[in-house]
């Protein structure tokens, strides 16, 4: 009984001290951007600032018309970018426009 309790405590203790999984998806912005451009042929599509109480973060969507991939990055003020989402089958939603002139 004591061995089971001890091994359970060790396993949960190791899990509690392990670094978060998302930390592996973070790196210096220049490294992340170079990887997106070289490996996936992605370019910056849209971006904006996200404000919270501590600081502003830059949110960007990178995409590729060639490969159909997209990546959503969040860059902190210290220059570290984290990939928060990535996927395939990217499409651009165009606004519904009506032609100028009178219908025939």
PDB file of N, CA and C in Angstrom:
ATOM      1  N   UNK A   1       0.817  -1.190   0.000  1.00  0.00           N
ATOM      2  CA  UNK A   1       0.000   0.000   0.000  1.00  0.00           C
ATOM      3  C   UNK A   1       0.863   1.257   0.000  1.00  0.00           C
ATOM      4  N   UNK A   2       1.919   1.234   0.813  1.00  0.00           N
ATOM      5  CA  UNK A   2       2.809   2.384   0.907  1.00  0.00           C
ATOM      6  C   UNK A   2       3.513   2.632  -0.426  1.00  0.00           C
ATOM      7  N   UNK A   3       3.915   1.558  -1.135  1.00  0.00           N
ATOM      8  CA  UNK A   3       4.583   1.707  -2.424  1.00  0.00           C
ATOM      9  C   UNK A   3       3.657   2.362  -3.441  1.00  0.00           C
ATOM     10  N   UNK A   4       2.391   1.981  -3.471  1.00  0.00           N
ATOM     11  CA  UNK A   4       1.435   2.573  -4.403  1.00  0.00           C
ATOM     12  C   UNK A   4       1.229   4.051  -4.101  1.00  0.00           C
ATOM     13  N   UNK A   5       1.102   4.371  -2.836  1.00  0.00           N
ATOM     14  CA  UNK A   5       0.911   5.767  -2.446  1.00  0.00           C
ATOM     15  C   UNK A   5       2.134   6.608  -2.801  1.00  0.00           C
ATOM     16  N   UNK A   6       3.300   6.075  -2.553  1.00  0.00           N
ATOM     17  CA  UNK A   6       4.534   6.782  -2.865  1.00  0.00           C
ATOM     18  C   UNK A   6       4.693   6.987  -4.363  1.00  0.00           C
ATOM     19  N   UNK A   7       4.434   5.958  -5.154  1.00  0.00           N
ATOM     20  CA  UNK A   7       4.571   6.086  -6.611  1.00  0.00           C
ATOM     21  C   UNK A   7       3.536   7.053  -7.180  1.00  0.00           C
ATOM     22  N   UNK A   8       2.320   7.052  -6.626  1.00  0.00           N
ATOM     23  CA  UNK A   8       1.297   7.999  -7.071  1.00  0.00           C
ATOM     24  C   UNK A   8       1.718   9.428  -6.763  1.00  0.00           C
ATOM     25  N   UNK A   9       2.267   9.649  -5.576  1.00  0.00           N
ATOM     26  CA  UNK A   9       2.730  10.989  -5.209  1.00  0.00           C
ATOM     27  C   UNK A   9       3.868  11.448  -6.117  1.00  0.00           C
ATOM     28  N   UNK A  10       4.769  10.550  -6.448  1.00  0.00           N
ATOM     29  CA  UNK A  10       5.887  10.905  -7.325  1.00  0.00           C
ATOM     30  C   UNK A  10       5.387  11.282  -8.716  1.00  0.00           C
ATOM     31  N   UNK A  11       4.460  10.496  -9.269  1.00  0.00           N
ATOM     32  CA  UNK A  11       3.925  10.775 -10.610  1.00  0.00           C
ATOM     33  C   UNK A  11       3.215  12.118 -10.637  1.00  0.00           C
ATOM     34  N   UNK A  12       2.333  12.365  -9.672  1.00  0.00           N
ATOM     35  CA  UNK A  12       1.613  13.632  -9.650  1.00  0.00           C
ATOM     36  C   UNK A  12       2.542  14.802  -9.341  1.00  0.00           C
ATOM     37  N   UNK A  13       3.551  14.574  -8.529  1.00  0.00           N
ATOM     38  CA  UNK A  13       4.527  15.626  -8.241  1.00  0.00           C
ATOM     39  C   UNK A  13       5.322  16.003  -9.469  1.00  0.00           C
ATOM     40  N   UNK A  14       5.705  15.020 -10.275  1.00  0.00           N
ATOM     41  CA  UNK A  14       6.424  15.299 -11.513  1.00  0.00           C
ATOM     42  C   UNK A  14       5.541  16.046 -12.491  1.00  0.00           C
ATOM     43  N   UNK A  15       4.285  15.669 -12.576  1.00  0.00           N
ATOM     44  CA  UNK A  15       3.360  16.342 -13.493  1.00  0.00           C
ATOM     45  C   UNK A  15       3.128  17.791 -13.071  1.00  0.00           C
ATOM     46  N   UNK A  16       3.090  18.031 -11.768  1.00  0.00           N
ATOM     47  CA  UNK A  16       2.839  19.386 -11.280  1.00  0.00           C
ATOM     48  C   UNK A  16       4.017  20.310 -11.523  1.00  0.00           C
ATOM     49  N   UNK A  17       5.234  19.771 -11.547  1.00  0.00           N
ATOM     50  CA  UNK A  17       6.412  20.609 -11.754  1.00  0.00           C
ATOM     51  C   UNK A  17       6.841  20.684 -13.214  1.00  0.00           C
ATOM     52  N   UNK A  18       6.184  19.979 -14.103  1.00  0.00           N
ATOM     53  CA  UNK A  18       6.538  20.002 -15.520  1.00  0.00           C
ATOM     54  C   UNK A  18       6.162  21.348 -16.132  1.00  0.00           C
ATOM     55  N   UNK A  19       6.930  21.818 -17.102  1.00  0.00           N
ATOM     56  CA  UNK A  19       6.580  23.081 -17.752  1.00  0.00           C
ATOM     57  C   UNK A  19       5.311  22.919 -18.566  1.00  0.00           C
ATOM     58  N   UNK A  20       4.542  23.996 -18.763  1.00  0.00           N
ATOM     59  CA  UNK A  20       3.322  23.887 -19.541  1.00  0.00           C
ATOM     60  C   UNK A  20       3.608  23.473 -20.979  1.00  0.00           C
ATOM     61  N   UNK A  21       2.679  22.755 -21.568  1.00  0.00           N
ATOM     62  CA  UNK A  21       2.869  22.265 -22.941  1.00  0.00           C
ATOM     63  C   UNK A  21       2.957  23.408 -23.937  1.00  0.00           C
ATOM     64  N   UNK A  22       2.240  24.501 -23.709  1.00  0.00           N
ATOM     65  CA  UNK A  22       2.260  25.603 -24.672  1.00  0.00           C
ATOM     66  C   UNK A  22       3.595  26.300 -24.724  1.00  0.00           C
ATOM     67  N   UNK A  23       4.432  26.129 -23.730  1.00  0.00           N
ATOM     68  CA  UNK A  23       5.737  26.791 -23.726  1.00  0.00           C
ATOM     69  C   UNK A  23       6.601  26.293 -24.886  1.00  0.00           C
ATOM     70  N   UNK A  24       6.338  25.102 -25.371  1.00  0.00           N
ATOM     71  CA  UNK A  24       7.101  24.574 -26.489  1.00  0.00           C
ATOM     72  C   UNK A  24       6.721  25.256 -27.795  1.00  0.00           C
ATOM     73  N   UNK A  25       5.597  25.952 -27.845  1.00  0.00           N
ATOM     74  CA  UNK A  25       5.147  26.633 -29.046  1.00  0.00           C
ATOM     75  C   UNK A  25       5.560  28.097 -29.060  1.00  0.00           C
ATOM     76  N   UNK A  26       6.448  28.503 -28.181  1.00  0.00           N
ATOM     77  CA  UNK A  26       6.869  29.890 -28.073  1.00  0.00           C
ATOM     78  C   UNK A  26       8.352  30.021 -28.401  1.00  0.00           C
ATOM     79  N   UNK A  27       8.690  31.143 -29.048  1.00  0.00           N
ATOM     80  CA  UNK A  27      10.089  31.444 -29.365  1.00  0.00           C
ATOM     81  C   UNK A  27      10.182  32.918 -29.696  1.00  0.00           C
ATOM     82  N   UNK A  28      11.384  33.381 -29.944  1.00  0.00           N
ATOM     83  CA  UNK A  28      11.579  34.756 -30.367  1.00  0.00           C
ATOM     84  C   UNK A  28      10.802  34.983 -31.671  1.00  0.00           C
ATOM     85  N   UNK A  29      10.189  36.158 -31.810  1.00  0.00           N
ATOM     86  CA  UNK A  29       9.316  36.426 -32.958  1.00  0.00           C
ATOM     87  C   UNK A  29      10.038  36.200 -34.282  1.00  0.00           C
ATOM     88  N   UNK A  30      11.282  36.637 -34.383  1.00  0.00           N
ATOM     89  CA  UNK A  30      12.014  36.490 -35.646  1.00  0.00           C
ATOM     90  C   UNK A  30      12.185  35.024 -36.033  1.00  0.00           C
ATOM     91  N   UNK A  31      12.368  34.159 -35.059  1.00  0.00           N
ATOM     92  CA  UNK A  31      12.508  32.724 -35.327  1.00  0.00           C
ATOM     93  C   UNK A  31      11.183  32.143 -35.816  1.00  0.00           C
ATOM     94  N   UNK A  32      10.092  32.515 -35.146  1.00  0.00           N
ATOM     95  CA  UNK A  32       8.771  31.999 -35.531  1.00  0.00           C
ATOM     96  C   UNK A  32       8.398  32.487 -36.938  1.00  0.00           C
ATOM     97  N   UNK A  33       8.609  33.765 -37.210  1.00  0.00           N
ATOM     98  CA  UNK A  33       8.261  34.329 -38.526  1.00  0.00           C
ATOM     99  C   UNK A  33       9.082  33.671 -39.629  1.00  0.00           C
ATOM    100  N   UNK A  34      10.376  33.480 -39.399  1.00  0.00           N
ATOM    101  CA  UNK A  34      11.226  32.841 -40.407  1.00  0.00           C
ATOM    102  C   UNK A  34      10.749  31.431 -40.695  1.00  0.00           C
ATOM    103  N   UNK A  35      10.324  30.726 -39.674  1.00  0.00           N
ATOM    104  CA  UNK A  35       9.836  29.349 -39.845  1.00  0.00           C
ATOM    105  C   UNK A  35       8.529  29.320 -40.634  1.00  0.00           C
ATOM    106  N   UNK A  36       7.620  30.267 -40.322  1.00  0.00           N
ATOM    107  CA  UNK A  36       6.354  30.323 -41.054  1.00  0.00           C
ATOM    108  C   UNK A  36       6.581  30.638 -42.525  1.00  0.00           C
ATOM    109  N   UNK A  37       7.536  31.528 -42.808  1.00  0.00           N
ATOM    110  CA  UNK A  37       7.805  31.903 -44.186  1.00  0.00           C
ATOM    111  C   UNK A  37       8.516  30.792 -44.951  1.00  0.00           C
ATOM    112  N   UNK A  38       9.511  30.164 -44.339  1.00  0.00           N
ATOM    113  CA  UNK A  38      10.302  29.172 -45.063  1.00  0.00           C
ATOM    114  C   UNK A  38       9.611  27.810 -45.169  1.00  0.00           C
ATOM    115  N   UNK A  39       8.984  27.365 -44.095  1.00  0.00           N
ATOM    116  CA  UNK A  39       8.403  26.017 -44.094  1.00  0.00           C
ATOM    117  C   UNK A  39       6.993  25.977 -44.677  1.00  0.00           C
ATOM    118  N   UNK A  40       6.191  27.025 -44.427  1.00  0.00           N
ATOM    119  CA  UNK A  40       4.790  26.994 -44.830  1.00  0.00           C
ATOM    120  C   UNK A  40       4.425  28.040 -45.879  1.00  0.00           C
ATOM    121  N   UNK A  41       5.384  28.860 -46.311  1.00  0.00           N
ATOM    122  CA  UNK A  41       5.150  29.936 -47.289  1.00  0.00           C
ATOM    123  C   UNK A  41       4.047  30.889 -46.833  1.00  0.00           C
ATOM    124  N   UNK A  42       3.953  31.118 -45.516  1.00  0.00           N
ATOM    125  CA  UNK A  42       2.908  31.988 -44.982  1.00  0.00           C
ATOM    126  C   UNK A  42       3.396  33.433 -44.924  1.00  0.00           C
ATOM    127  N   UNK A  43       2.461  34.348 -45.122  1.00  0.00           N
ATOM    128  CA  UNK A  43       2.728  35.772 -45.009  1.00  0.00           C
ATOM    129  C   UNK A  43       1.716  36.379 -44.045  1.00  0.00           C
ATOM    130  N   UNK A  44       2.051  37.537 -43.508  1.00  0.00           N
ATOM    131  CA  UNK A  44       1.157  38.221 -42.578  1.00  0.00           C
ATOM    132  C   UNK A  44      -0.102  38.650 -43.313  1.00  0.00           C
ATOM    133  N   UNK A  45      -1.256  38.219 -42.833  1.00  0.00           N
ATOM    134  CA  UNK A  45      -2.533  38.539 -43.464  1.00  0.00           C
ATOM    135  C   UNK A  45      -3.222  39.685 -42.735  1.00  0.00           C
ATOM    136  N   UNK A  46      -3.430  39.558 -41.445  1.00  0.00           N
ATOM    137  CA  UNK A  46      -4.057  40.604 -40.631  1.00  0.00           C
ATOM    138  C   UNK A  46      -3.438  40.575 -39.233  1.00  0.00           C
ATOM    139  N   UNK A  47      -3.632  41.668 -38.505  1.00  0.00           N
ATOM    140  CA  UNK A  47      -3.122  41.723 -37.145  1.00  0.00           C
ATOM    141  C   UNK A  47      -3.741  42.866 -36.378  1.00  0.00           C
ATOM    142  N   UNK A  48      -3.533  42.886 -35.079  1.00  0.00           N
ATOM    143  CA  UNK A  48      -4.047  43.955 -34.245  1.00  0.00           C
ATOM    144  C   UNK A  48      -3.547  43.809 -32.827  1.00  0.00           C
ATOM    145  N   UNK A  49      -3.817  44.835 -32.014  1.00  0.00           N
ATOM    146  CA  UNK A  49      -3.396  44.824 -30.618  1.00  0.00           C
ATOM    147  C   UNK A  49      -4.507  44.309 -29.721  1.00  0.00           C
ATOM    148  N   UNK A  50      -4.130  43.493 -28.769  1.00  0.00           N
ATOM    149  CA  UNK A  50      -5.048  42.997 -27.756  1.00  0.00           C
ATOM    150  C   UNK A  50      -4.605  43.619 -26.435  1.00  0.00           C
ATOM    151  N   UNK A  51      -5.474  44.381 -25.817  1.00  0.00           N
ATOM    152  CA  UNK A  51      -5.139  45.041 -24.555  1.00  0.00           C
ATOM    153  C   UNK A  51      -5.699  44.259 -23.380  1.00  0.00           C
ATOM    154  N   UNK A  52      -4.890  44.115 -22.362  1.00  0.00           N
ATOM    155  CA  UNK A  52      -5.368  43.569 -21.094  1.00  0.00           C
ATOM    156  C   UNK A  52      -4.742  44.395 -19.971  1.00  0.00           C
ATOM    157  N   UNK A  53      -4.970  44.042 -18.752  1.00  0.00           N
ATOM    158  CA  UNK A  53      -4.512  44.852 -17.615  1.00  0.00           C
ATOM    159  C   UNK A  53      -3.004  44.942 -17.513  1.00  0.00           C
ATOM    160  N   UNK A  54      -2.308  43.898 -17.887  1.00  0.00           N
ATOM    161  CA  UNK A  54      -0.859  43.889 -17.711  1.00  0.00           C
ATOM    162  C   UNK A  54      -0.127  44.572 -18.858  1.00  0.00           C
ATOM    163  N   UNK A  55      -0.468  44.260 -20.078  1.00  0.00           N
ATOM    164  CA  UNK A  55       0.231  44.831 -21.234  1.00  0.00           C
ATOM    165  C   UNK A  55      -0.553  44.514 -22.501  1.00  0.00           C
ATOM    166  N   UNK A  56      -0.140  45.133 -23.581  1.00  0.00           N
ATOM    167  CA  UNK A  56      -0.754  44.853 -24.880  1.00  0.00           C
ATOM    168  C   UNK A  56       0.018  43.729 -25.561  1.00  0.00           C
ATOM    169  N   UNK A  57      -0.700  42.905 -26.279  1.00  0.00           N
ATOM    170  CA  UNK A  57      -0.085  41.840 -27.067  1.00  0.00           C
ATOM    171  C   UNK A  57      -0.481  42.031 -28.523  1.00  0.00           C
ATOM    172  N   UNK A  58       0.400  41.641 -29.408  1.00  0.00           N
ATOM    173  CA  UNK A  58       0.134  41.711 -30.837  1.00  0.00           C
ATOM    174  C   UNK A  58      -0.437  40.372 -31.285  1.00  0.00           C
ATOM    175  N   UNK A  59      -1.612  40.397 -31.898  1.00  0.00           N
ATOM    176  CA  UNK A  59      -2.247  39.184 -32.405  1.00  0.00           C
ATOM    177  C   UNK A  59      -2.164  39.245 -33.926  1.00  0.00           C
ATOM    178  N   UNK A  60      -1.635  38.184 -34.537  1.00  0.00           N
ATOM    179  CA  UNK A  60      -1.446  38.149 -35.990  1.00  0.00           C
ATOM    180  C   UNK A  60      -1.991  36.852 -36.568  1.00  0.00           C
ATOM    181  N   UNK A  61      -2.503  36.950 -37.777  1.00  0.00           N
ATOM    182  CA  UNK A  61      -2.885  35.754 -38.532  1.00  0.00           C
ATOM    183  C   UNK A  61      -1.998  35.706 -39.769  1.00  0.00           C
ATOM    184  N   UNK A  62      -1.252  34.640 -39.885  1.00  0.00           N
ATOM    185  CA  UNK A  62      -0.389  34.387 -41.035  1.00  0.00           C
ATOM    186  C   UNK A  62      -1.064  33.312 -41.878  1.00  0.00           C
ATOM    187  N   UNK A  63      -1.017  33.442 -43.193  1.00  0.00           N
ATOM    188  CA  UNK A  63      -1.666  32.444 -44.051  1.00  0.00           C
ATOM    189  C   UNK A  63      -0.908  32.295 -45.363  1.00  0.00           C
ATOM    190  N   UNK A  64      -1.239  31.224 -46.074  1.00  0.00           N
ATOM    191  CA  UNK A  64      -0.618  30.949 -47.367  1.00  0.00           C
ATOM    192  C   UNK A  64      -1.680  30.505 -48.362  1.00  0.00           C
ATOM    193  N   UNK A  65      -1.745  31.198 -49.489  1.00  0.00           N
ATOM    194  CA  UNK A  65      -2.630  30.782 -50.568  1.00  0.00           C
ATOM    195  C   UNK A  65      -2.119  29.531 -51.258  1.00  0.00           C
ATOM    196  N   UNK A  66      -0.792  29.332 -51.247  1.00  0.00           N
ATOM    197  CA  UNK A  66      -0.183  28.160 -51.881  1.00  0.00           C
ATOM    198  C   UNK A  66      -0.520  26.877 -51.141  1.00  0.00           C
ATOM    199  N   UNK A  67      -0.265  26.880 -49.847  1.00  0.00           N
ATOM    200  CA  UNK A  67      -0.416  25.659 -49.062  1.00  0.00           C
ATOM    201  C   UNK A  67      -1.774  25.553 -48.383  1.00  0.00           C
ATOM    202  N   UNK A  68      -2.491  26.687 -48.244  1.00  0.00           N
ATOM    203  CA  UNK A  68      -3.788  26.684 -47.584  1.00  0.00           C
ATOM    204  C   UNK A  68      -3.696  26.624 -46.071  1.00  0.00           C
ATOM    205  N   UNK A  69      -2.493  26.840 -45.533  1.00  0.00           N
ATOM    206  CA  UNK A  69      -2.311  26.789 -44.084  1.00  0.00           C
ATOM    207  C   UNK A  69      -2.475  28.173 -43.472  1.00  0.00           C
ATOM    208  N   UNK A  70      -2.741  28.197 -42.169  1.00  0.00           N
ATOM    209  CA  UNK A  70      -2.783  29.456 -41.431  1.00  0.00           C
ATOM    210  C   UNK A  70      -2.278  29.226 -40.018  1.00  0.00           C
ATOM    211  N   UNK A  71      -1.774  30.305 -39.421  1.00  0.00           N
ATOM    212  CA  UNK A  71      -1.246  30.263 -38.063  1.00  0.00           C
ATOM    213  C   UNK A  71      -1.655  31.535 -37.345  1.00  0.00           C
ATOM    214  N   UNK A  72      -2.089  31.408 -36.100  1.00  0.00           N
ATOM    215  CA  UNK A  72      -2.420  32.567 -35.280  1.00  0.00           C
ATOM    216  C   UNK A  72      -1.340  32.704 -34.215  1.00  0.00           C
ATOM    217  N   UNK A  73      -0.686  33.881 -34.205  1.00  0.00           N
ATOM    218  CA  UNK A  73       0.389  34.170 -33.268  1.00  0.00           C
ATOM    219  C   UNK A  73      -0.044  35.226 -32.269  1.00  0.00           C
ATOM    220  N   UNK A  74       0.454  35.118 -31.060  1.00  0.00           N
ATOM    221  CA  UNK A  74       0.329  36.179 -30.063  1.00  0.00           C
ATOM    222  C   UNK A  74       1.745  36.521 -29.636  1.00  0.00           C
ATOM    223  N   UNK A  75       2.108  37.800 -29.813  1.00  0.00           N
ATOM    224  CA  UNK A  75       3.442  38.256 -29.458  1.00  0.00           C
ATOM    225  C   UNK A  75       3.354  39.172 -28.252  1.00  0.00           C
ATOM    226  N   UNK A  76       4.105  38.837 -27.220  1.00  0.00           N
ATOM    227  CA  UNK A  76       4.134  39.626 -25.990  1.00  0.00           C
ATOM    228  C   UNK A  76       5.098  40.797 -26.147  1.00  0.00           C
ATOM    229  N   UNK A  77       5.012  41.800 -25.272  1.00  0.00           N
ATOM    230  CA  UNK A  77       5.902  42.958 -25.374  1.00  0.00           C
ATOM    231  C   UNK A  77       7.392  42.611 -25.299  1.00  0.00           C
ATOM    232  N   UNK A  78       7.743  41.480 -24.711  1.00  0.00           N
ATOM    233  CA  UNK A  78       9.150  41.093 -24.618  1.00  0.00           C
ATOM    234  C   UNK A  78       9.678  40.459 -25.903  1.00  0.00           C
ATOM    235  N   UNK A  79       8.848  40.369 -26.966  1.00  0.00           N
ATOM    236  CA  UNK A  79       9.289  39.837 -28.253  1.00  0.00           C
ATOM    237  C   UNK A  79       9.119  38.349 -28.417  1.00  0.00           C
ATOM    238  N   UNK A  80       8.523  37.685 -27.449  1.00  0.00           N
ATOM    239  CA  UNK A  80       8.284  36.243 -27.546  1.00  0.00           C
ATOM    240  C   UNK A  80       6.926  36.006 -28.196  1.00  0.00           C
ATOM    241  N   UNK A  81       6.913  35.212 -29.263  1.00  0.00           N
ATOM    242  CA  UNK A  81       5.680  34.873 -29.975  1.00  0.00           C
ATOM    243  C   UNK A  81       5.278  33.450 -29.643  1.00  0.00           C
ATOM    244  N   UNK A  82       3.983  33.239 -29.465  1.00  0.00           N
ATOM    245  CA  UNK A  82       3.442  31.911 -29.201  1.00  0.00           C
ATOM    246  C   UNK A  82       2.401  31.565 -30.261  1.00  0.00           C
ATOM    247  N   UNK A  83       2.484  30.362 -30.777  1.00  0.00           N
ATOM    248  CA  UNK A  83       1.485  29.868 -31.718  1.00  0.00           C
ATOM    249  C   UNK A  83       0.290  29.402 -30.896  1.00  0.00           C
ATOM    250  N   UNK A  84      -0.867  30.054 -31.092  1.00  0.00           N
ATOM    251  CA  UNK A  84      -2.046  29.669 -30.324  1.00  0.00           C
ATOM    252  C   UNK A  84      -3.010  28.812 -31.139  1.00  0.00           C
ATOM    253  N   UNK A  85      -2.880  28.840 -32.451  1.00  0.00           N
ATOM    254  CA  UNK A  85      -3.712  27.991 -33.307  1.00  0.00           C
ATOM    255  C   UNK A  85      -3.057  27.885 -34.682  1.00  0.00           C
ATOM    256  N   UNK A  86      -3.289  26.769 -35.344  1.00  0.00           N
ATOM    257  CA  UNK A  86      -2.789  26.548 -36.700  1.00  0.00           C
ATOM    258  C   UNK A  86      -3.725  25.564 -37.381  1.00  0.00           C
ATOM    259  N   UNK A  87      -3.813  25.680 -38.699  1.00  0.00           N
ATOM    260  CA  UNK A  87      -4.713  24.772 -39.398  1.00  0.00           C
ATOM    261  C   UNK A  87      -4.526  24.801 -40.898  1.00  0.00           C
ATOM    262  N   UNK A  88      -5.451  24.163 -41.592  1.00  0.00           N
ATOM    263  CA  UNK A  88      -5.400  24.062 -43.045  1.00  0.00           C
ATOM    264  C   UNK A  88      -6.709  24.572 -43.634  1.00  0.00           C
ATOM    265  N   UNK A  89      -6.778  24.582 -44.944  1.00  0.00           N
ATOM    266  CA  UNK A  89      -7.957  24.994 -45.701  1.00  0.00           C
ATOM    267  C   UNK A  89      -8.343  26.440 -45.396  1.00  0.00           C
ATOM    268  N   UNK A  90      -7.339  27.316 -45.354  1.00  0.00           N
ATOM    269  CA  UNK A  90      -7.580  28.732 -45.104  1.00  0.00           C
ATOM    270  C   UNK A  90      -8.349  29.329 -46.273  1.00  0.00           C
ATOM    271  N   UNK A  91      -9.311  30.187 -45.963  1.00  0.00           N
ATOM    272  CA  UNK A  91     -10.034  30.911 -46.995  1.00  0.00           C
ATOM    273  C   UNK A  91     -10.233  32.343 -46.540  1.00  0.00           C
ATOM    274  N   UNK A  92     -10.381  33.228 -47.505  1.00  0.00           N
ATOM    275  CA  UNK A  92     -10.592  34.639 -47.207  1.00  0.00           C
ATOM    276  C   UNK A  92     -12.050  34.969 -47.478  1.00  0.00           C
ATOM    277  N   UNK A  93     -12.725  35.486 -46.469  1.00  0.00           N
ATOM    278  CA  UNK A  93     -14.131  35.853 -46.622  1.00  0.00           C
ATOM    279  C   UNK A  93     -14.193  37.257 -47.219  1.00  0.00           C
ATOM    280  N   UNK A  94     -14.696  37.358 -48.422  1.00  0.00           N
ATOM    281  CA  UNK A  94     -14.804  38.649 -49.085  1.00  0.00           C
ATOM    282  C   UNK A  94     -16.170  39.263 -48.795  1.00  0.00           C
ATOM    283  N   UNK A  95     -16.208  40.581 -48.646  1.00  0.00           N
ATOM    284  CA  UNK A  95     -17.490  41.216 -48.389  1.00  0.00           C
ATOM    285  C   UNK A  95     -18.428  41.081 -49.588  1.00  0.00           C
ATOM    286  N   UNK A  96     -19.710  40.977 -49.306  1.00  0.00           N
ATOM    287  CA  UNK A  96     -20.719  40.866 -50.356  1.00  0.00           C
ATOM    288  C   UNK A  96     -20.881  42.255 -50.991  1.00  0.00           C
ATOM    289  N   UNK A  97     -20.536  42.363 -52.251  1.00  0.00           N
ATOM    290  CA  UNK A  97     -20.642  43.659 -52.926  1.00  0.00           C
ATOM    291  C   UNK A  97     -21.723  43.607 -53.988  1.00  0.00           C
ATOM    292  N   UNK A  98     -22.357  44.728 -54.177  1.00  0.00           N
ATOM    293  CA  UNK A  98     -23.341  44.840 -55.254  1.00  0.00           C
ATOM    294  C   UNK A  98     -22.739  45.682 -56.359  1.00  0.00           C
ATOM    295  N   UNK A  99     -22.968  45.331 -57.598  1.00  0.00           N
ATOM    296  CA  UNK A  99     -22.400  46.070 -58.709  1.00  0.00           C
ATOM    297  C   UNK A  99     -22.961  47.502 -58.778  1.00  0.00           C
ATOM    298  N   UNK A 100     -22.123  48.407 -59.207  1.00  0.00           N
ATOM    299  CA  UNK A 100     -22.539  49.804 -59.352  1.00  0.00           C
ATOM    300  C   UNK A 100     -23.303  49.954 -60.659  1.00  0.00           C
ATOM    301  N   UNK A 101     -24.379  50.687 -60.619  1.00  0.00           N
ATOM    302  CA  UNK A 101     -25.168  50.931 -61.822  1.00  0.00           C
ATOM    303  C   UNK A 101     -26.589  50.420 -61.651  1.00  0.00           C
ATOM    304  N   UNK A 102     -27.336  50.526 -62.698  1.00  0.00           N
ATOM    305  CA  UNK A 102     -28.737  50.071 -62.671  1.00  0.00           C
ATOM    306  C   UNK A 102     -28.814  48.689 -63.294  1.00  0.00           C
ATOM    307  N   UNK A 103     -29.660  47.831 -62.710  1.00  0.00           N
ATOM    308  CA  UNK A 103     -29.810  46.491 -63.294  1.00  0.00           C
ATOM    309  C   UNK A 103     -30.458  46.559 -64.670  1.00  0.00           C
ATOM    310  N   UNK A 104     -30.075  45.631 -65.528  1.00  0.00           N
ATOM    311  CA  UNK A 104     -30.646  45.615 -66.874  1.00  0.00           C
ATOM    312  C   UNK A 104     -31.736  44.603 -67.022  1.00  0.00           C
TER     313      UNK A 104
END
